[in-house]
Amino acid sequence: MRSFLYVPGNRPQMLATALSRGADALIVDLEDAVPPAEKPAARAAVASWLAAQSPDAPIYVRVNSGPDGLDDALAVASPALRGLVVAKACLQQLSALAELLDEIDPGGVLSLVPLLETPQAILAAPEIAAAPRVSRMQIGEADLAAELGVTPGDTELLHVRSAVVLASAAAGLDPPAAAVTTDFRDLDALRRSTLALKRLGFRGRACIHPAQIPVVHEVFTPTPSEVGDARDVIARFEAAGGGVCLDAGGRMVDLAVIRNARRVIALSGGA
């Protein structure tokens, strides 16, 4: 998945069109986007909306932290739900949610996507990545930056980002999706920062506005040239019997290069 579009759970008119906006997945938000007084009504509205969706729809719901998150999970559990994005995730909360999901989803369909938004969560990233039902992690950079007293830019959260990429890879998870950027009008800046995050190992990005989706898809979709090069090096490697060979530019090709080439083809949707 390349794009994850946030949709407020208390905006039924936005929910009604959300699946037509072009995102690879939706994150229906019951947390920050919903004022406290509106959370019960939003929970009920999201549950009703989910009941009318196809089981194949790529829908996640961001649940609140603490006991409210368990109530959210109970309310929105549905055949149309792919998983829960867990706000302000910690090991205790993930354990409680996993136990609840084991009861209401014994088939193990629903996954957990922890949002790492505190210093404690970042330091516990390897343990969080290994927690039951966790399939992917994200960083809640706005909350984390406020906790750290950091003004986020290109490099200020570099260590944090790399640590989460490393923890994800070590646990065998899908690569993390990059955090949202709130300036949805500056698409050039979005492209630059998304390219930088892709180089760090992120795959996909959360979006807060449909205008961001085409840029994110462009960055995370291999070009025809990249796919062609990947197929070429794989063919050369196989022709060499699985041994070291040279690519079209005379550079050495080994198993590490082939793993990356196969990843490029997989991201393109190819076999």
C-alpha atoms as a PDB file:
ATOM      1  CA  MET A   1       0.000   0.000   0.000  1.00  0.00           C
ATOM      2  CA  ARG A   2       1.345   3.368  -1.038  1.00  0.00           C
ATOM      3  CA  SER A   3      -1.183   5.790   0.451  1.00  0.00           C
ATOM      4  CA  PHE A   4      -3.282   5.876   3.621  1.00  0.00           C
ATOM      5  CA  LEU A   5      -5.912   8.637   3.609  1.00  0.00           C
ATOM      6  CA  TYR A   6      -7.143   9.893   6.980  1.00  0.00           C
ATOM      7  CA  VAL A   7     -10.885  10.587   7.130  1.00  0.00           C
ATOM      8  CA  PRO A   8     -12.576  12.080  10.234  1.00  0.00           C
ATOM      9  CA  GLY A   9     -15.024   9.657  11.775  1.00  0.00           C
ATOM     10  CA  ASN A  10     -17.435  12.444  12.664  1.00  0.00           C
ATOM     11  CA  ARG A  11     -17.853  13.678   9.079  1.00  0.00           C
ATOM     12  CA  PRO A  12     -20.376  11.361   7.395  1.00  0.00           C
ATOM     13  CA  GLN A  13     -20.305  13.374   4.158  1.00  0.00           C
ATOM     14  CA  MET A  14     -16.573  12.710   3.869  1.00  0.00           C
ATOM     15  CA  LEU A  15     -16.966   9.039   4.736  1.00  0.00           C
ATOM     16  CA  ALA A  16     -19.573   8.692   1.994  1.00  0.00           C
ATOM     17  CA  THR A  17     -17.010   9.523  -0.714  1.00  0.00           C
ATOM     18  CA  ALA A  18     -13.792   8.379   0.963  1.00  0.00           C
ATOM     19  CA  LEU A  19     -13.389   5.129  -0.948  1.00  0.00           C
ATOM     20  CA  SER A  20     -13.587   6.978  -4.269  1.00  0.00           C
ATOM     21  CA  ARG A  21     -10.681   9.334  -3.521  1.00  0.00           C
ATOM     22  CA  GLY A  22      -8.014   7.037  -4.969  1.00  0.00           C
ATOM     23  CA  ALA A  23      -6.089   6.072  -1.830  1.00  0.00           C
ATOM     24  CA  ASP A  24      -4.797   2.532  -1.460  1.00  0.00           C
ATOM     25  CA  ALA A  25      -6.259   2.446   2.065  1.00  0.00           C
ATOM     26  CA  LEU A  26      -8.361   4.570   4.398  1.00  0.00           C
ATOM     27  CA  ILE A  27      -7.741   5.379   8.048  1.00  0.00           C
ATOM     28  CA  VAL A  28     -11.028   6.451   9.600  1.00  0.00           C
ATOM     29  CA  ASP A  29     -10.100   8.592  12.587  1.00  0.00           C
ATOM     30  CA  LEU A  30     -11.840   8.309  15.943  1.00  0.00           C
ATOM     31  CA  GLU A  31      -8.999  10.048  17.790  1.00  0.00           C
ATOM     32  CA  ASP A  32      -7.545  13.528  17.188  1.00  0.00           C
ATOM     33  CA  ALA A  33      -9.950  14.506  14.398  1.00  0.00           C
ATOM     34  CA  VAL A  34     -12.987  14.017  16.651  1.00  0.00           C
ATOM     35  CA  PRO A  35     -13.778  16.404  19.548  1.00  0.00           C
ATOM     36  CA  PRO A  36     -14.257  14.563  22.859  1.00  0.00           C
ATOM     37  CA  ALA A  37     -17.958  15.346  23.059  1.00  0.00           C
ATOM     38  CA  GLU A  38     -18.529  13.837  19.597  1.00  0.00           C
ATOM     39  CA  LYS A  39     -16.614  10.571  20.070  1.00  0.00           C
ATOM     40  CA  PRO A  40     -19.581   8.352  21.070  1.00  0.00           C
ATOM     41  CA  ALA A  41     -21.643   9.532  18.102  1.00  0.00           C
ATOM     42  CA  ALA A  42     -18.643   9.197  15.761  1.00  0.00           C
ATOM     43  CA  ARG A  43     -18.023   5.636  16.969  1.00  0.00           C
ATOM     44  CA  ALA A  44     -21.623   4.695  16.219  1.00  0.00           C
ATOM     45  CA  ALA A  45     -21.532   6.436  12.821  1.00  0.00           C
ATOM     46  CA  VAL A  46     -18.331   4.674  11.780  1.00  0.00           C
ATOM     47  CA  ALA A  47     -19.703   1.299  12.864  1.00  0.00           C
ATOM     48  CA  SER A  48     -22.838   1.893  10.799  1.00  0.00           C
ATOM     49  CA  TRP A  49     -20.806   2.999   7.775  1.00  0.00           C
ATOM     50  CA  LEU A  50     -18.489  -0.022   8.011  1.00  0.00           C
ATOM     51  CA  ALA A  51     -21.464  -2.370   8.067  1.00  0.00           C
ATOM     52  CA  ALA A  52     -22.382  -1.168   4.568  1.00  0.00           C
ATOM     53  CA  GLN A  53     -18.892  -1.633   3.063  1.00  0.00           C
ATOM     54  CA  SER A  54     -17.431  -4.540   1.122  1.00  0.00           C
ATOM     55  CA  PRO A  55     -15.261  -7.019   3.028  1.00  0.00           C
ATOM     56  CA  ASP A  56     -12.553  -6.321   0.435  1.00  0.00           C
ATOM     57  CA  ALA A  57     -12.394  -2.607   1.254  1.00  0.00           C
ATOM     58  CA  PRO A  58      -8.954  -1.520   2.555  1.00  0.00           C
ATOM     59  CA  ILE A  59     -10.208   0.232   5.700  1.00  0.00           C
ATOM     60  CA  TYR A  60      -8.453   0.849   8.999  1.00  0.00           C
ATOM     61  CA  VAL A  61      -9.796   2.739  12.009  1.00  0.00           C
ATOM     62  CA  ARG A  62      -7.600   4.826  14.278  1.00  0.00           C
ATOM     63  CA  VAL A  63      -8.717   4.112  17.830  1.00  0.00           C
ATOM     64  CA  ASN A  64      -8.155   6.157  20.964  1.00  0.00           C
ATOM     65  CA  SER A  65      -5.606   5.331  23.622  1.00  0.00           C
ATOM     66  CA  GLY A  66      -6.526   3.637  26.887  1.00  0.00           C
ATOM     67  CA  PRO A  67      -9.906   2.053  27.683  1.00  0.00           C
ATOM     68  CA  ASP A  68     -11.634   4.158  25.010  1.00  0.00           C
ATOM     69  CA  GLY A  69      -9.593   2.299  22.414  1.00  0.00           C
ATOM     70  CA  LEU A  70     -11.009  -1.024  23.543  1.00  0.00           C
ATOM     71  CA  ASP A  71     -14.540   0.389  23.288  1.00  0.00           C
ATOM     72  CA  ASP A  72     -13.699   1.710  19.816  1.00  0.00           C
ATOM     73  CA  ALA A  73     -12.445  -1.711  18.736  1.00  0.00           C
ATOM     74  CA  LEU A  74     -15.551  -3.480  20.012  1.00  0.00           C
ATOM     75  CA  ALA A  75     -17.819  -1.007  18.243  1.00  0.00           C
ATOM     76  CA  VAL A  76     -16.142  -1.006  14.829  1.00  0.00           C
ATOM     77  CA  ALA A  77     -15.209  -4.686  14.451  1.00  0.00           C
ATOM     78  CA  SER A  78     -16.621  -5.588  11.049  1.00  0.00           C
ATOM     79  CA  PRO A  79     -15.923  -7.823   8.037  1.00  0.00           C
ATOM     80  CA  ALA A  80     -14.993  -4.637   6.169  1.00  0.00           C
ATOM     81  CA  LEU A  81     -12.281  -3.707   8.659  1.00  0.00           C
ATOM     82  CA  ARG A  82      -8.651  -4.503   7.810  1.00  0.00           C
ATOM     83  CA  GLY A  83      -7.130  -3.405  11.103  1.00  0.00           C
ATOM     84  CA  LEU A  84      -6.744  -0.838  13.867  1.00  0.00           C
ATOM     85  CA  VAL A  85      -4.301   2.068  13.890  1.00  0.00           C
ATOM     86  CA  VAL A  86      -3.446   2.437  17.558  1.00  0.00           C
ATOM     87  CA  ALA A  87      -2.971   6.011  18.731  1.00  0.00           C
ATOM     88  CA  LYS A  88      -0.199   6.698  21.257  1.00  0.00           C
ATOM     89  CA  ALA A  89       0.655   3.030  21.222  1.00  0.00           C
ATOM     90  CA  CYS A  90       2.372   1.287  24.119  1.00  0.00           C
ATOM     91  CA  LEU A  91       2.988  -2.393  24.844  1.00  0.00           C
ATOM     92  CA  GLN A  92       0.254  -2.566  27.494  1.00  0.00           C
ATOM     93  CA  GLN A  93      -2.367  -1.147  25.150  1.00  0.00           C
ATOM     94  CA  LEU A  94      -1.309  -3.384  22.260  1.00  0.00           C
ATOM     95  CA  SER A  95      -1.491  -6.445  24.505  1.00  0.00           C
ATOM     96  CA  ALA A  96      -5.014  -5.532  25.654  1.00  0.00           C
ATOM     97  CA  LEU A  97      -6.179  -4.941  22.083  1.00  0.00           C
ATOM     98  CA  ALA A  98      -4.616  -8.193  20.864  1.00  0.00           C
ATOM     99  CA  GLU A  99      -6.412 -10.130  23.594  1.00  0.00           C
ATOM    100  CA  LEU A 100      -9.706  -8.474  22.655  1.00  0.00           C
ATOM    101  CA  LEU A 101      -9.184  -9.209  18.965  1.00  0.00           C
ATOM    102  CA  ASP A 102      -8.395 -12.835  19.760  1.00  0.00           C
ATOM    103  CA  GLU A 103     -11.922 -13.054  21.184  1.00  0.00           C
ATOM    104  CA  ILE A 104     -13.833 -11.189  18.483  1.00  0.00           C
ATOM    105  CA  ASP A 105     -11.596 -12.110  15.527  1.00  0.00           C
ATOM    106  CA  PRO A 106     -10.263 -15.625  16.193  1.00  0.00           C
ATOM    107  CA  GLY A 107      -9.346 -15.994  12.534  1.00  0.00           C
ATOM    108  CA  GLY A 108      -6.652 -13.346  12.944  1.00  0.00           C
ATOM    109  CA  VAL A 109      -7.830 -11.125  10.093  1.00  0.00           C
ATOM    110  CA  LEU A 110      -7.514  -7.824  11.951  1.00  0.00           C
ATOM    111  CA  SER A 111      -4.043  -6.392  12.344  1.00  0.00           C
ATOM    112  CA  LEU A 112      -2.652  -3.678  14.607  1.00  0.00           C
ATOM    113  CA  VAL A 113      -0.719  -0.681  13.296  1.00  0.00           C
ATOM    114  CA  PRO A 114       0.895   1.115  16.251  1.00  0.00           C
ATOM    115  CA  LEU A 115       1.406   4.851  16.019  1.00  0.00           C
ATOM    116  CA  LEU A 116       4.656   5.649  17.840  1.00  0.00           C
ATOM    117  CA  GLU A 117       4.046   9.096  19.301  1.00  0.00           C
ATOM    118  CA  THR A 118       6.073   9.176  22.523  1.00  0.00           C
ATOM    119  CA  PRO A 119       9.765   8.819  23.406  1.00  0.00           C
ATOM    120  CA  GLN A 120       8.890   5.652  25.323  1.00  0.00           C
ATOM    121  CA  ALA A 121       7.301   4.118  22.222  1.00  0.00           C
ATOM    122  CA  ILE A 122      10.334   4.913  20.065  1.00  0.00           C
ATOM    123  CA  LEU A 123      12.682   3.329  22.592  1.00  0.00           C
ATOM    124  CA  ALA A 124      10.399   0.275  22.740  1.00  0.00           C
ATOM    125  CA  ALA A 125      10.033   0.036  18.943  1.00  0.00           C
ATOM    126  CA  PRO A 126      11.673  -3.437  18.686  1.00  0.00           C
ATOM    127  CA  GLU A 127       9.320  -4.857  21.337  1.00  0.00           C
ATOM    128  CA  ILE A 128       6.282  -3.117  19.813  1.00  0.00           C
ATOM    129  CA  ALA A 129       7.204  -4.482  16.368  1.00  0.00           C
ATOM    130  CA  ALA A 130       7.258  -8.006  17.807  1.00  0.00           C
ATOM    131  CA  ALA A 131       3.886  -7.665  19.595  1.00  0.00           C
ATOM    132  CA  PRO A 132       0.978  -9.923  18.515  1.00  0.00           C
ATOM    133  CA  ARG A 133      -0.992  -8.875  15.416  1.00  0.00           C
ATOM    134  CA  VAL A 134       1.321  -5.937  14.598  1.00  0.00           C
ATOM    135  CA  SER A 135       1.745  -5.759  10.822  1.00  0.00           C
ATOM    136  CA  ARG A 136       3.285  -2.324  10.290  1.00  0.00           C
ATOM    137  CA  MET A 137       4.317   0.700  12.340  1.00  0.00           C
ATOM    138  CA  GLN A 138       3.940   4.418  11.799  1.00  0.00           C
ATOM    139  CA  ILE A 139       5.413   7.428  13.576  1.00  0.00           C
ATOM    140  CA  GLY A 140       3.118  10.150  14.905  1.00  0.00           C
ATOM    141  CA  GLU A 141       5.645  12.874  14.237  1.00  0.00           C
ATOM    142  CA  ALA A 142       3.604  15.878  15.385  1.00  0.00           C
ATOM    143  CA  ASP A 143       2.966  14.462  18.861  1.00  0.00           C
ATOM    144  CA  LEU A 144       6.474  13.060  19.117  1.00  0.00           C
ATOM    145  CA  ALA A 145       8.089  16.355  18.130  1.00  0.00           C
ATOM    146  CA  ALA A 146       6.035  18.162  20.772  1.00  0.00           C
ATOM    147  CA  GLU A 147       7.193  15.639  23.386  1.00  0.00           C
ATOM    148  CA  LEU A 148      10.821  16.056  22.338  1.00  0.00           C
ATOM    149  CA  GLY A 149      10.736  19.830  21.902  1.00  0.00           C
ATOM    150  CA  VAL A 150      11.892  19.371  18.315  1.00  0.00           C
ATOM    151  CA  THR A 151      10.927  21.440  15.285  1.00  0.00           C
ATOM    152  CA  PRO A 152      10.575  18.775  12.588  1.00  0.00           C
ATOM    153  CA  GLY A 153      12.468  19.324   9.351  1.00  0.00           C
ATOM    154  CA  ASP A 154      14.519  17.212   7.009  1.00  0.00           C
ATOM    155  CA  THR A 155      16.980  15.847   9.578  1.00  0.00           C
ATOM    156  CA  GLU A 156      15.697  16.530  13.100  1.00  0.00           C
ATOM    157  CA  LEU A 157      13.890  13.174  13.359  1.00  0.00           C
ATOM    158  CA  LEU A 158      16.374  11.210  11.253  1.00  0.00           C
ATOM    159  CA  HIS A 159      17.470   8.957  14.117  1.00  0.00           C
ATOM    160  CA  VAL A 160      13.867   8.211  15.096  1.00  0.00           C
ATOM    161  CA  ARG A 161      12.846   7.404  11.534  1.00  0.00           C
ATOM    162  CA  SER A 162      15.798   5.114  10.954  1.00  0.00           C
ATOM    163  CA  ALA A 163      15.209   3.351  14.277  1.00  0.00           C
ATOM    164  CA  VAL A 164      11.614   2.527  13.285  1.00  0.00           C
ATOM    165  CA  VAL A 165      12.676   1.298   9.835  1.00  0.00           C
ATOM    166  CA  LEU A 166      15.307  -0.915  11.500  1.00  0.00           C
ATOM    167  CA  ALA A 167      12.889  -2.299  14.100  1.00  0.00           C
ATOM    168  CA  SER A 168      10.324  -3.064  11.395  1.00  0.00           C
ATOM    169  CA  ALA A 169      12.835  -4.933   9.247  1.00  0.00           C
ATOM    170  CA  ALA A 170      14.204  -6.880  12.224  1.00  0.00           C
ATOM    171  CA  ALA A 171      10.685  -8.050  13.134  1.00  0.00           C
ATOM    172  CA  GLY A 172       9.808  -8.967   9.556  1.00  0.00           C
ATOM    173  CA  LEU A 173       7.049  -6.359   9.331  1.00  0.00           C
ATOM    174  CA  ASP A 174       6.001  -4.418   6.276  1.00  0.00           C
ATOM    175  CA  PRO A 175       8.121  -1.262   6.006  1.00  0.00           C
ATOM    176  CA  PRO A 176       6.673   1.677   7.955  1.00  0.00           C
ATOM    177  CA  ALA A 177       4.469   4.242   6.252  1.00  0.00           C
ATOM    178  CA  ALA A 178       5.731   7.808   6.473  1.00  0.00           C
ATOM    179  CA  ALA A 179       3.926  10.342   8.630  1.00  0.00           C
ATOM    180  CA  VAL A 180       1.514  12.950   7.344  1.00  0.00           C
ATOM    181  CA  THR A 181       2.509  16.443   6.360  1.00  0.00           C
ATOM    182  CA  THR A 182      -0.087  19.057   7.242  1.00  0.00           C
ATOM    183  CA  ASP A 183       0.675  21.491   4.397  1.00  0.00           C
ATOM    184  CA  PHE A 184      -1.400  19.754   1.743  1.00  0.00           C
ATOM    185  CA  ARG A 185      -1.083  22.686  -0.688  1.00  0.00           C
ATOM    186  CA  ASP A 186       2.709  22.469  -1.159  1.00  0.00           C
ATOM    187  CA  LEU A 187       2.911  19.374  -3.333  1.00  0.00           C
ATOM    188  CA  ASP A 188       6.510  20.065  -4.388  1.00  0.00           C
ATOM    189  CA  ALA A 189       7.599  19.950  -0.749  1.00  0.00           C
ATOM    190  CA  LEU A 190       5.546  16.783  -0.311  1.00  0.00           C
ATOM    191  CA  ARG A 191       7.358  15.150  -3.234  1.00  0.00           C
ATOM    192  CA  ARG A 192      10.802  16.147  -1.899  1.00  0.00           C
ATOM    193  CA  SER A 193      10.153  14.892   1.612  1.00  0.00           C
ATOM    194  CA  THR A 194       8.493  11.675   0.409  1.00  0.00           C
ATOM    195  CA  LEU A 195      11.457  10.886  -1.838  1.00  0.00           C
ATOM    196  CA  ALA A 196      13.787  11.426   1.132  1.00  0.00           C
ATOM    197  CA  LEU A 197      11.674   9.139   3.319  1.00  0.00           C
ATOM    198  CA  LYS A 198      11.632   6.493   0.579  1.00  0.00           C
ATOM    199  CA  ARG A 199      15.442   6.558   0.564  1.00  0.00           C
ATOM    200  CA  LEU A 200      15.343   5.945   4.343  1.00  0.00           C
ATOM    201  CA  GLY A 201      13.279   2.787   3.859  1.00  0.00           C
ATOM    202  CA  PHE A 202       9.696   3.977   4.247  1.00  0.00           C
ATOM    203  CA  ARG A 203       7.141   2.523   1.852  1.00  0.00           C
ATOM    204  CA  GLY A 204       3.901   4.467   1.583  1.00  0.00           C
ATOM    205  CA  ARG A 205       2.716   7.606   3.306  1.00  0.00           C
ATOM    206  CA  ALA A 206      -0.268   8.758   5.311  1.00  0.00           C
ATOM    207  CA  CYS A 207      -2.215  11.631   3.735  1.00  0.00           C
ATOM    208  CA  ILE A 208      -4.668  14.144   5.156  1.00  0.00           C
ATOM    209  CA  HIS A 209      -6.024  15.392   1.810  1.00  0.00           C
ATOM    210  CA  PRO A 210      -6.841  13.649  -1.492  1.00  0.00           C
ATOM    211  CA  ALA A 211      -4.595  16.121  -3.355  1.00  0.00           C
ATOM    212  CA  GLN A 212      -1.580  14.442  -1.763  1.00  0.00           C
ATOM    213  CA  ILE A 213      -2.403  10.968  -3.057  1.00  0.00           C
ATOM    214  CA  PRO A 214      -1.134  11.264  -6.679  1.00  0.00           C
ATOM    215  CA  VAL A 215       2.243  12.577  -5.482  1.00  0.00           C
ATOM    216  CA  VAL A 216       2.645   9.771  -2.961  1.00  0.00           C
ATOM    217  CA  HIS A 217       1.691   7.190  -5.585  1.00  0.00           C
ATOM    218  CA  GLU A 218       4.183   8.654  -8.044  1.00  0.00           C
ATOM    219  CA  VAL A 219       7.028   8.377  -5.541  1.00  0.00           C
ATOM    220  CA  PHE A 220       6.241   4.833  -4.418  1.00  0.00           C
ATOM    221  CA  THR A 221       5.396   3.338  -7.815  1.00  0.00           C
ATOM    222  CA  PRO A 222       8.458   2.097  -9.745  1.00  0.00           C
ATOM    223  CA  THR A 223       8.866   3.672 -13.171  1.00  0.00           C
ATOM    224  CA  PRO A 224       8.818   1.496 -16.318  1.00  0.00           C
ATOM    225  CA  SER A 225      12.560   2.078 -16.612  1.00  0.00           C
ATOM    226  CA  GLU A 226      13.169   0.859 -13.056  1.00  0.00           C
ATOM    227  CA  VAL A 227      11.036  -2.230 -13.671  1.00  0.00           C
ATOM    228  CA  GLY A 228      12.853  -2.936 -16.926  1.00  0.00           C
ATOM    229  CA  ASP A 229      16.240  -2.651 -15.244  1.00  0.00           C
ATOM    230  CA  ALA A 230      15.078  -4.952 -12.452  1.00  0.00           C
ATOM    231  CA  ARG A 231      13.899  -7.599 -14.897  1.00  0.00           C
ATOM    232  CA  ASP A 232      17.151  -7.310 -16.832  1.00  0.00           C
ATOM    233  CA  VAL A 233      19.420  -7.901 -13.824  1.00  0.00           C
ATOM    234  CA  ILE A 234      17.284 -10.844 -12.688  1.00  0.00           C
ATOM    235  CA  ALA A 235      17.527 -12.392 -16.157  1.00  0.00           C
ATOM    236  CA  ARG A 236      21.321 -11.900 -16.195  1.00  0.00           C
ATOM    237  CA  PHE A 237      21.630 -13.388 -12.700  1.00  0.00           C
ATOM    238  CA  GLU A 238      19.573 -16.438 -13.621  1.00  0.00           C
ATOM    239  CA  ALA A 239      21.498 -16.899 -16.876  1.00  0.00           C
ATOM    240  CA  ALA A 240      24.689 -16.943 -14.787  1.00  0.00           C
ATOM    241  CA  GLY A 241      23.253 -19.818 -12.766  1.00  0.00           C
ATOM    242  CA  GLY A 242      22.602 -17.695  -9.713  1.00  0.00           C
ATOM    243  CA  GLY A 243      26.179 -16.492  -9.459  1.00  0.00           C
ATOM    244  CA  VAL A 244      27.718 -13.025  -9.542  1.00  0.00           C
ATOM    245  CA  CYS A 245      27.370 -11.293 -12.911  1.00  0.00           C
ATOM    246  CA  LEU A 246      27.421  -7.793 -14.406  1.00  0.00           C
ATOM    247  CA  ASP A 247      24.476  -5.535 -15.213  1.00  0.00           C
ATOM    248  CA  ALA A 248      24.072  -3.546 -18.433  1.00  0.00           C
ATOM    249  CA  GLY A 249      26.323  -0.824 -17.038  1.00  0.00           C
ATOM    250  CA  GLY A 250      29.111  -3.192 -16.040  1.00  0.00           C
ATOM    251  CA  ARG A 251      28.321  -3.116 -12.296  1.00  0.00           C
ATOM    252  CA  MET A 252      28.482  -6.248 -10.201  1.00  0.00           C
ATOM    253  CA  VAL A 253      25.183  -8.022  -9.500  1.00  0.00           C
ATOM    254  CA  ASP A 254      24.892 -10.241  -6.436  1.00  0.00           C
ATOM    255  CA  LEU A 255      22.063 -11.543  -4.257  1.00  0.00           C
ATOM    256  CA  ALA A 256      21.572  -8.188  -2.510  1.00  0.00           C
ATOM    257  CA  VAL A 257      20.995  -6.503  -5.867  1.00  0.00           C
ATOM    258  CA  ILE A 258      18.586  -9.270  -6.866  1.00  0.00           C
ATOM    259  CA  ARG A 259      16.576  -8.912  -3.648  1.00  0.00           C
ATOM    260  CA  ASN A 260      16.131  -5.222  -4.387  1.00  0.00           C
ATOM    261  CA  ALA A 261      15.232  -5.948  -8.024  1.00  0.00           C
ATOM    262  CA  ARG A 262      12.548  -8.397  -6.941  1.00  0.00           C
ATOM    263  CA  ARG A 263      11.196  -5.812  -4.497  1.00  0.00           C
ATOM    264  CA  VAL A 264      10.917  -3.285  -7.346  1.00  0.00           C
ATOM    265  CA  ILE A 265       8.935  -5.767  -9.444  1.00  0.00           C
ATOM    266  CA  ALA A 266       6.670  -6.619  -6.513  1.00  0.00           C
ATOM    267  CA  LEU A 267       5.968  -2.908  -5.884  1.00  0.00           C
ATOM    268  CA  SER A 268       5.060  -2.525  -9.544  1.00  0.00           C
ATOM    269  CA  GLY A 269       2.470  -5.256  -9.238  1.00  0.00           C
ATOM    270  CA  GLY A 270       4.468  -7.613 -11.440  1.00  0.00           C
ATOM    271  CA  ALA A 271       5.120 -11.284 -10.817  1.00  0.00           C
END
